[in-house]
Amino acid sequence: MFTRAQEGWIPQSPKPVKCDFNDIHSPDSWNAWIACDSGVVLMTSCYGISWEPQYSGVTVNLNGVFCLKALETAA
């Protein structure tokens, strides 16, 4: 997982969720989404302190995620 720091998003160790991360996008300093394998999307709204899974509706590997605004995200 990742936590927001002054130099950008930095990895947390160990990862609290076991999935391969393929892309991360952050539309602002609070919110971010991670596209993972098996259709998993993870979201944070607190600088990466905690991450919550989001329903993607698919089971394929997601290779990208993009956010226009905090409530407008596509994977």
PDB file of N, CA and C in Angstrom:
ATOM      1  N   MET A   1       0.846  -1.166   0.000  1.00  0.00           N
ATOM      2  CA  MET A   1       0.000   0.000   0.000  1.00  0.00           C
ATOM      3  C   MET A   1       0.894   1.233   0.000  1.00  0.00           C
ATOM      4  N   PHE A   2       0.262   2.375  -0.100  1.00  0.00           N
ATOM      5  CA  PHE A   2       1.008   3.620  -0.198  1.00  0.00           C
ATOM      6  C   PHE A   2       0.472   4.627   0.799  1.00  0.00           C
ATOM      7  N   THR A   3       1.347   5.478   1.277  1.00  0.00           N
ATOM      8  CA  THR A   3       0.989   6.573   2.165  1.00  0.00           C
ATOM      9  C   THR A   3       1.488   7.861   1.543  1.00  0.00           C
ATOM     10  N   ARG A   4       0.699   8.912   1.657  1.00  0.00           N
ATOM     11  CA  ARG A   4       1.082  10.201   1.095  1.00  0.00           C
ATOM     12  C   ARG A   4       2.162  10.825   1.972  1.00  0.00           C
ATOM     13  N   ALA A   5       3.242  11.272   1.352  1.00  0.00           N
ATOM     14  CA  ALA A   5       4.325  11.950   2.053  1.00  0.00           C
ATOM     15  C   ALA A   5       4.694  13.198   1.269  1.00  0.00           C
ATOM     16  N   GLN A   6       5.544  14.014   1.838  1.00  0.00           N
ATOM     17  CA  GLN A   6       5.923  15.262   1.183  1.00  0.00           C
ATOM     18  C   GLN A   6       6.500  15.007  -0.206  1.00  0.00           C
ATOM     19  N   GLU A   7       7.239  13.913  -0.367  1.00  0.00           N
ATOM     20  CA  GLU A   7       7.852  13.612  -1.658  1.00  0.00           C
ATOM     21  C   GLU A   7       6.938  12.838  -2.594  1.00  0.00           C
ATOM     22  N   GLY A   8       5.682  12.616  -2.219  1.00  0.00           N
ATOM     23  CA  GLY A   8       4.723  11.891  -3.054  1.00  0.00           C
ATOM     24  C   GLY A   8       4.231  10.649  -2.343  1.00  0.00           C
ATOM     25  N   TRP A   9       3.687   9.698  -3.102  1.00  0.00           N
ATOM     26  CA  TRP A   9       3.182   8.454  -2.530  1.00  0.00           C
ATOM     27  C   TRP A   9       4.349   7.507  -2.313  1.00  0.00           C
ATOM     28  N   ILE A  10       4.475   6.976  -1.095  1.00  0.00           N
ATOM     29  CA  ILE A  10       5.555   6.048  -0.780  1.00  0.00           C
ATOM     30  C   ILE A  10       4.956   4.713  -0.328  1.00  0.00           C
ATOM     31  N   PRO A  11       5.623   3.581  -0.640  1.00  0.00           N
ATOM     32  CA  PRO A  11       5.082   2.271  -0.268  1.00  0.00           C
ATOM     33  C   PRO A  11       5.064   2.055   1.245  1.00  0.00           C
ATOM     34  N   GLN A  12       4.000   1.412   1.727  1.00  0.00           N
ATOM     35  CA  GLN A  12       3.935   0.939   3.105  1.00  0.00           C
ATOM     36  C   GLN A  12       4.465  -0.487   3.127  1.00  0.00           C
ATOM     37  N   SER A  13       5.073  -0.874   4.200  1.00  0.00           N
ATOM     38  CA  SER A  13       5.559  -2.247   4.303  1.00  0.00           C
ATOM     39  C   SER A  13       5.220  -2.768   5.691  1.00  0.00           C
ATOM     40  N   PRO A  14       4.655  -3.957   5.785  1.00  0.00           N
ATOM     41  CA  PRO A  14       4.205  -4.817   4.691  1.00  0.00           C
ATOM     42  C   PRO A  14       2.869  -4.313   4.128  1.00  0.00           C
ATOM     43  N   LYS A  15       2.525  -4.797   2.927  1.00  0.00           N
ATOM     44  CA  LYS A  15       1.252  -4.439   2.316  1.00  0.00           C
ATOM     45  C   LYS A  15       0.109  -5.033   3.124  1.00  0.00           C
ATOM     46  N   PRO A  16      -0.889  -4.245   3.510  1.00  0.00           N
ATOM     47  CA  PRO A  16      -2.015  -4.794   4.269  1.00  0.00           C
ATOM     48  C   PRO A  16      -2.985  -5.606   3.416  1.00  0.00           C
ATOM     49  N   VAL A  17      -2.883  -5.513   2.095  1.00  0.00           N
ATOM     50  CA  VAL A  17      -3.746  -6.268   1.188  1.00  0.00           C
ATOM     51  C   VAL A  17      -2.859  -7.049   0.235  1.00  0.00           C
ATOM     52  N   LYS A  18      -3.178  -8.321   0.036  1.00  0.00           N
ATOM     53  CA  LYS A  18      -2.373  -9.149  -0.850  1.00  0.00           C
ATOM     54  C   LYS A  18      -2.958  -9.152  -2.257  1.00  0.00           C
ATOM     55  N   CYS A  19      -2.470  -8.249  -3.084  1.00  0.00           N
ATOM     56  CA  CYS A  19      -2.827  -8.217  -4.495  1.00  0.00           C
ATOM     57  C   CYS A  19      -1.729  -7.436  -5.218  1.00  0.00           C
ATOM     58  N   ASP A  20      -1.570  -7.715  -6.491  1.00  0.00           N
ATOM     59  CA  ASP A  20      -0.573  -6.996  -7.275  1.00  0.00           C
ATOM     60  C   ASP A  20      -1.136  -5.653  -7.705  1.00  0.00           C
ATOM     61  N   PHE A  21      -0.376  -4.583  -7.475  1.00  0.00           N
ATOM     62  CA  PHE A  21      -0.786  -3.237  -7.845  1.00  0.00           C
ATOM     63  C   PHE A  21      -0.290  -2.939  -9.247  1.00  0.00           C
ATOM     64  N   ASN A  22      -1.160  -2.430 -10.107  1.00  0.00           N
ATOM     65  CA  ASN A  22      -0.795  -2.143 -11.482  1.00  0.00           C
ATOM     66  C   ASN A  22      -0.740  -0.653 -11.796  1.00  0.00           C
ATOM     67  N   ASP A  23      -1.499   0.168 -11.075  1.00  0.00           N
ATOM     68  CA  ASP A  23      -1.502   1.604 -11.336  1.00  0.00           C
ATOM     69  C   ASP A  23      -2.079   2.325 -10.128  1.00  0.00           C
ATOM     70  N   ILE A  24      -1.656   3.552  -9.924  1.00  0.00           N
ATOM     71  CA  ILE A  24      -2.214   4.392  -8.853  1.00  0.00           C
ATOM     72  C   ILE A  24      -2.454   5.774  -9.442  1.00  0.00           C
ATOM     73  N   HIS A  25      -3.562   6.387  -9.041  1.00  0.00           N
ATOM     74  CA  HIS A  25      -3.837   7.756  -9.467  1.00  0.00           C
ATOM     75  C   HIS A  25      -4.454   8.516  -8.306  1.00  0.00           C
ATOM     76  N   SER A  26      -4.044   9.769  -8.177  1.00  0.00           N
ATOM     77  CA  SER A  26      -4.525  10.607  -7.090  1.00  0.00           C
ATOM     78  C   SER A  26      -4.964  11.955  -7.659  1.00  0.00           C
ATOM     79  N   PRO A  27      -6.267  12.267  -7.617  1.00  0.00           N
ATOM     80  CA  PRO A  27      -6.733  13.546  -8.141  1.00  0.00           C
ATOM     81  C   PRO A  27      -6.440  14.724  -7.211  1.00  0.00           C
ATOM     82  N   ASP A  28      -6.118  14.425  -5.961  1.00  0.00           N
ATOM     83  CA  ASP A  28      -5.796  15.469  -4.985  1.00  0.00           C
ATOM     84  C   ASP A  28      -4.945  14.851  -3.891  1.00  0.00           C
ATOM     85  N   SER A  29      -4.603  15.607  -2.878  1.00  0.00           N
ATOM     86  CA  SER A  29      -3.702  15.096  -1.841  1.00  0.00           C
ATOM     87  C   SER A  29      -4.373  14.156  -0.838  1.00  0.00           C
ATOM     88  N   TRP A  30      -5.691  14.077  -0.830  1.00  0.00           N
ATOM     89  CA  TRP A  30      -6.401  13.215   0.122  1.00  0.00           C
ATOM     90  C   TRP A  30      -6.777  11.859  -0.463  1.00  0.00           C
ATOM     91  N   ASN A  31      -7.192  11.833  -1.712  1.00  0.00           N
ATOM     92  CA  ASN A  31      -7.809  10.663  -2.317  1.00  0.00           C
ATOM     93  C   ASN A  31      -6.889   9.999  -3.328  1.00  0.00           C
ATOM     94  N   ALA A  32      -6.992   8.670  -3.401  1.00  0.00           N
ATOM     95  CA  ALA A  32      -6.232   7.919  -4.405  1.00  0.00           C
ATOM     96  C   ALA A  32      -6.908   6.583  -4.643  1.00  0.00           C
ATOM     97  N   TRP A  33      -6.700   6.039  -5.832  1.00  0.00           N
ATOM     98  CA  TRP A  33      -7.207   4.724  -6.201  1.00  0.00           C
ATOM     99  C   TRP A  33      -6.056   3.900  -6.748  1.00  0.00           C
ATOM    100  N   ILE A  34      -6.070   2.593  -6.469  1.00  0.00           N
ATOM    101  CA  ILE A  34      -5.077   1.657  -6.994  1.00  0.00           C
ATOM    102  C   ILE A  34      -5.818   0.603  -7.800  1.00  0.00           C
ATOM    103  N   ALA A  35      -5.379   0.377  -9.042  1.00  0.00           N
ATOM    104  CA  ALA A  35      -5.907  -0.699  -9.883  1.00  0.00           C
ATOM    105  C   ALA A  35      -5.047  -1.936  -9.634  1.00  0.00           C
ATOM    106  N   CYS A  36      -5.710  -3.062  -9.375  1.00  0.00           N
ATOM    107  CA  CYS A  36      -5.010  -4.295  -9.021  1.00  0.00           C
ATOM    108  C   CYS A  36      -5.436  -5.439  -9.935  1.00  0.00           C
ATOM    109  N   ASP A  37      -4.836  -6.598  -9.716  1.00  0.00           N
ATOM    110  CA  ASP A  37      -5.236  -7.800 -10.423  1.00  0.00           C
ATOM    111  C   ASP A  37      -6.593  -8.286  -9.919  1.00  0.00           C
ATOM    112  N   SER A  38      -7.220  -9.150 -10.697  1.00  0.00           N
ATOM    113  CA  SER A  38      -8.492  -9.805 -10.347  1.00  0.00           C
ATOM    114  C   SER A  38      -9.635  -8.821 -10.128  1.00  0.00           C
ATOM    115  N   GLY A  39      -9.574  -7.651 -10.773  1.00  0.00           N
ATOM    116  CA  GLY A  39     -10.659  -6.691 -10.665  1.00  0.00           C
ATOM    117  C   GLY A  39     -10.700  -5.896  -9.385  1.00  0.00           C
ATOM    118  N   VAL A  40      -9.668  -5.988  -8.579  1.00  0.00           N
ATOM    119  CA  VAL A  40      -9.644  -5.277  -7.296  1.00  0.00           C
ATOM    120  C   VAL A  40      -9.259  -3.815  -7.516  1.00  0.00           C
ATOM    121  N   VAL A  41     -10.033  -2.908  -6.905  1.00  0.00           N
ATOM    122  CA  VAL A  41      -9.708  -1.489  -6.858  1.00  0.00           C
ATOM    123  C   VAL A  41      -9.670  -1.091  -5.388  1.00  0.00           C
ATOM    124  N   LEU A  42      -8.608  -0.442  -4.978  1.00  0.00           N
ATOM    125  CA  LEU A  42      -8.489   0.030  -3.602  1.00  0.00           C
ATOM    126  C   LEU A  42      -8.560   1.547  -3.599  1.00  0.00           C
ATOM    127  N   MET A  43      -9.194   2.101  -2.567  1.00  0.00           N
ATOM    128  CA  MET A  43      -9.395   3.551  -2.484  1.00  0.00           C
ATOM    129  C   MET A  43      -9.041   4.058  -1.096  1.00  0.00           C
ATOM    130  N   THR A  44      -8.417   5.225  -1.055  1.00  0.00           N
ATOM    131  CA  THR A  44      -8.164   5.907   0.216  1.00  0.00           C
ATOM    132  C   THR A  44      -8.707   7.322   0.128  1.00  0.00           C
ATOM    133  N   SER A  45      -9.181   7.831   1.232  1.00  0.00           N
ATOM    134  CA  SER A  45      -9.608   9.229   1.309  1.00  0.00           C
ATOM    135  C   SER A  45      -8.954   9.909   2.505  1.00  0.00           C
ATOM    136  N   CYS A  46      -7.837   9.300   2.971  1.00  0.00           N
ATOM    137  CA  CYS A  46      -7.164   9.826   4.168  1.00  0.00           C
ATOM    138  C   CYS A  46      -5.643   9.720   4.032  1.00  0.00           C
ATOM    139  N   TYR A  47      -5.135  10.212   2.917  1.00  0.00           N
ATOM    140  CA  TYR A  47      -3.687  10.212   2.672  1.00  0.00           C
ATOM    141  C   TYR A  47      -3.075   8.810   2.643  1.00  0.00           C
ATOM    142  N   GLY A  48      -3.844   7.771   2.473  1.00  0.00           N
ATOM    143  CA  GLY A  48      -3.300   6.420   2.429  1.00  0.00           C
ATOM    144  C   GLY A  48      -3.129   5.762   3.781  1.00  0.00           C
ATOM    145  N   ILE A  49      -3.656   6.372   4.821  1.00  0.00           N
ATOM    146  CA  ILE A  49      -3.562   5.759   6.147  1.00  0.00           C
ATOM    147  C   ILE A  49      -4.328   4.445   6.170  1.00  0.00           C
ATOM    148  N   SER A  50      -5.480   4.417   5.511  1.00  0.00           N
ATOM    149  CA  SER A  50      -6.234   3.163   5.367  1.00  0.00           C
ATOM    150  C   SER A  50      -6.745   3.084   3.932  1.00  0.00           C
ATOM    151  N   TRP A  51      -6.959   1.857   3.470  1.00  0.00           N
ATOM    152  CA  TRP A  51      -7.422   1.599   2.099  1.00  0.00           C
ATOM    153  C   TRP A  51      -8.635   0.695   2.158  1.00  0.00           C
ATOM    154  N   GLU A  52      -9.630   0.978   1.314  1.00  0.00           N
ATOM    155  CA  GLU A  52     -10.855   0.187   1.262  1.00  0.00           C
ATOM    156  C   GLU A  52     -11.046  -0.370  -0.141  1.00  0.00           C
ATOM    157  N   PRO A  53     -11.456  -1.647  -0.247  1.00  0.00           N
ATOM    158  CA  PRO A  53     -11.744  -2.194  -1.577  1.00  0.00           C
ATOM    159  C   PRO A  53     -13.008  -1.575  -2.155  1.00  0.00           C
ATOM    160  N   GLN A  54     -13.028  -1.359  -3.458  1.00  0.00           N
ATOM    161  CA  GLN A  54     -14.177  -0.828  -4.172  1.00  0.00           C
ATOM    162  C   GLN A  54     -14.637  -1.863  -5.186  1.00  0.00           C
ATOM    163  N   TYR A  55     -15.923  -1.957  -5.441  1.00  0.00           N
ATOM    164  CA  TYR A  55     -16.478  -2.911  -6.386  1.00  0.00           C
ATOM    165  C   TYR A  55     -16.208  -2.434  -7.808  1.00  0.00           C
ATOM    166  N   SER A  56     -15.510  -3.250  -8.608  1.00  0.00           N
ATOM    167  CA  SER A  56     -15.220  -2.877  -9.994  1.00  0.00           C
ATOM    168  C   SER A  56     -16.181  -3.521 -10.985  1.00  0.00           C
ATOM    169  N   GLY A  57     -16.807  -4.623 -10.596  1.00  0.00           N
ATOM    170  CA  GLY A  57     -17.735  -5.304 -11.490  1.00  0.00           C
ATOM    171  C   GLY A  57     -17.083  -6.274 -12.457  1.00  0.00           C
ATOM    172  N   VAL A  58     -15.763  -6.425 -12.377  1.00  0.00           N
ATOM    173  CA  VAL A  58     -15.054  -7.356 -13.257  1.00  0.00           C
ATOM    174  C   VAL A  58     -14.077  -8.186 -12.439  1.00  0.00           C
ATOM    175  N   THR A  59     -13.577  -9.264 -13.046  1.00  0.00           N
ATOM    176  CA  THR A  59     -12.584 -10.104 -12.372  1.00  0.00           C
ATOM    177  C   THR A  59     -11.265 -10.159 -13.135  1.00  0.00           C
ATOM    178  N   VAL A  60     -11.156  -9.367 -14.186  1.00  0.00           N
ATOM    179  CA  VAL A  60      -9.911  -9.331 -14.962  1.00  0.00           C
ATOM    180  C   VAL A  60      -8.907  -8.405 -14.277  1.00  0.00           C
ATOM    181  N   ASN A  61      -7.633  -8.520 -14.672  1.00  0.00           N
ATOM    182  CA  ASN A  61      -6.620  -7.630 -14.128  1.00  0.00           C
ATOM    183  C   ASN A  61      -6.862  -6.211 -14.628  1.00  0.00           C
ATOM    184  N   LEU A  62      -6.831  -5.257 -13.727  1.00  0.00           N
ATOM    185  CA  LEU A  62      -7.007  -3.848 -14.074  1.00  0.00           C
ATOM    186  C   LEU A  62      -5.624  -3.215 -14.185  1.00  0.00           C
ATOM    187  N   ASN A  63      -5.303  -2.698 -15.365  1.00  0.00           N
ATOM    188  CA  ASN A  63      -3.965  -2.177 -15.608  1.00  0.00           C
ATOM    189  C   ASN A  63      -3.856  -0.670 -15.479  1.00  0.00           C
ATOM    190  N   GLY A  64      -4.991   0.006 -15.288  1.00  0.00           N
ATOM    191  CA  GLY A  64      -4.932   1.451 -15.163  1.00  0.00           C
ATOM    192  C   GLY A  64      -6.112   2.003 -14.407  1.00  0.00           C
ATOM    193  N   VAL A  65      -5.916   3.167 -13.825  1.00  0.00           N
ATOM    194  CA  VAL A  65      -6.978   3.873 -13.125  1.00  0.00           C
ATOM    195  C   VAL A  65      -6.737   5.365 -13.344  1.00  0.00           C
ATOM    196  N   PHE A  66      -7.832   6.120 -13.535  1.00  0.00           N
ATOM    197  CA  PHE A  66      -7.706   7.554 -13.737  1.00  0.00           C
ATOM    198  C   PHE A  66      -8.856   8.256 -13.039  1.00  0.00           C
ATOM    199  N   CYS A  67      -8.554   9.351 -12.406  1.00  0.00           N
ATOM    200  CA  CYS A  67      -9.549  10.115 -11.664  1.00  0.00           C
ATOM    201  C   CYS A  67      -9.581  11.556 -12.152  1.00  0.00           C
ATOM    202  N   LEU A  68     -10.749  12.011 -12.605  1.00  0.00           N
ATOM    203  CA  LEU A  68     -10.912  13.422 -12.934  1.00  0.00           C
ATOM    204  C   LEU A  68     -11.069  14.250 -11.665  1.00  0.00           C
ATOM    205  N   LYS A  69     -11.908  13.742 -10.759  1.00  0.00           N
ATOM    206  CA  LYS A  69     -12.158  14.337  -9.459  1.00  0.00           C
ATOM    207  C   LYS A  69     -12.292  13.189  -8.476  1.00  0.00           C
ATOM    208  N   ALA A  70     -12.384  13.502  -7.207  1.00  0.00           N
ATOM    209  CA  ALA A  70     -12.450  12.465  -6.180  1.00  0.00           C
ATOM    210  C   ALA A  70     -13.635  11.520  -6.357  1.00  0.00           C
ATOM    211  N   LEU A  71     -14.730  11.975  -6.961  1.00  0.00           N
ATOM    212  CA  LEU A  71     -15.899  11.114  -7.127  1.00  0.00           C
ATOM    213  C   LEU A  71     -16.107  10.657  -8.562  1.00  0.00           C
ATOM    214  N   GLU A  72     -15.134  10.880  -9.441  1.00  0.00           N
ATOM    215  CA  GLU A  72     -15.226  10.473 -10.831  1.00  0.00           C
ATOM    216  C   GLU A  72     -13.984   9.675 -11.220  1.00  0.00           C
ATOM    217  N   THR A  73     -14.068   8.353 -11.028  1.00  0.00           N
ATOM    218  CA  THR A  73     -12.918   7.486 -11.238  1.00  0.00           C
ATOM    219  C   THR A  73     -13.277   6.364 -12.193  1.00  0.00           C
ATOM    220  N   ALA A  74     -12.354   6.015 -13.078  1.00  0.00           N
ATOM    221  CA  ALA A  74     -12.535   4.913 -14.012  1.00  0.00           C
ATOM    222  C   ALA A  74     -11.303   4.011 -13.961  1.00  0.00           C
ATOM    223  N   ALA A  75     -11.542   2.690 -13.945  1.00  0.00           N
ATOM    224  CA  ALA A  75     -10.433   1.727 -13.945  1.00  0.00           C
ATOM    225  C   ALA A  75     -10.535   0.877 -15.200  1.00  0.00           C
TER     226      ALA A  75
END
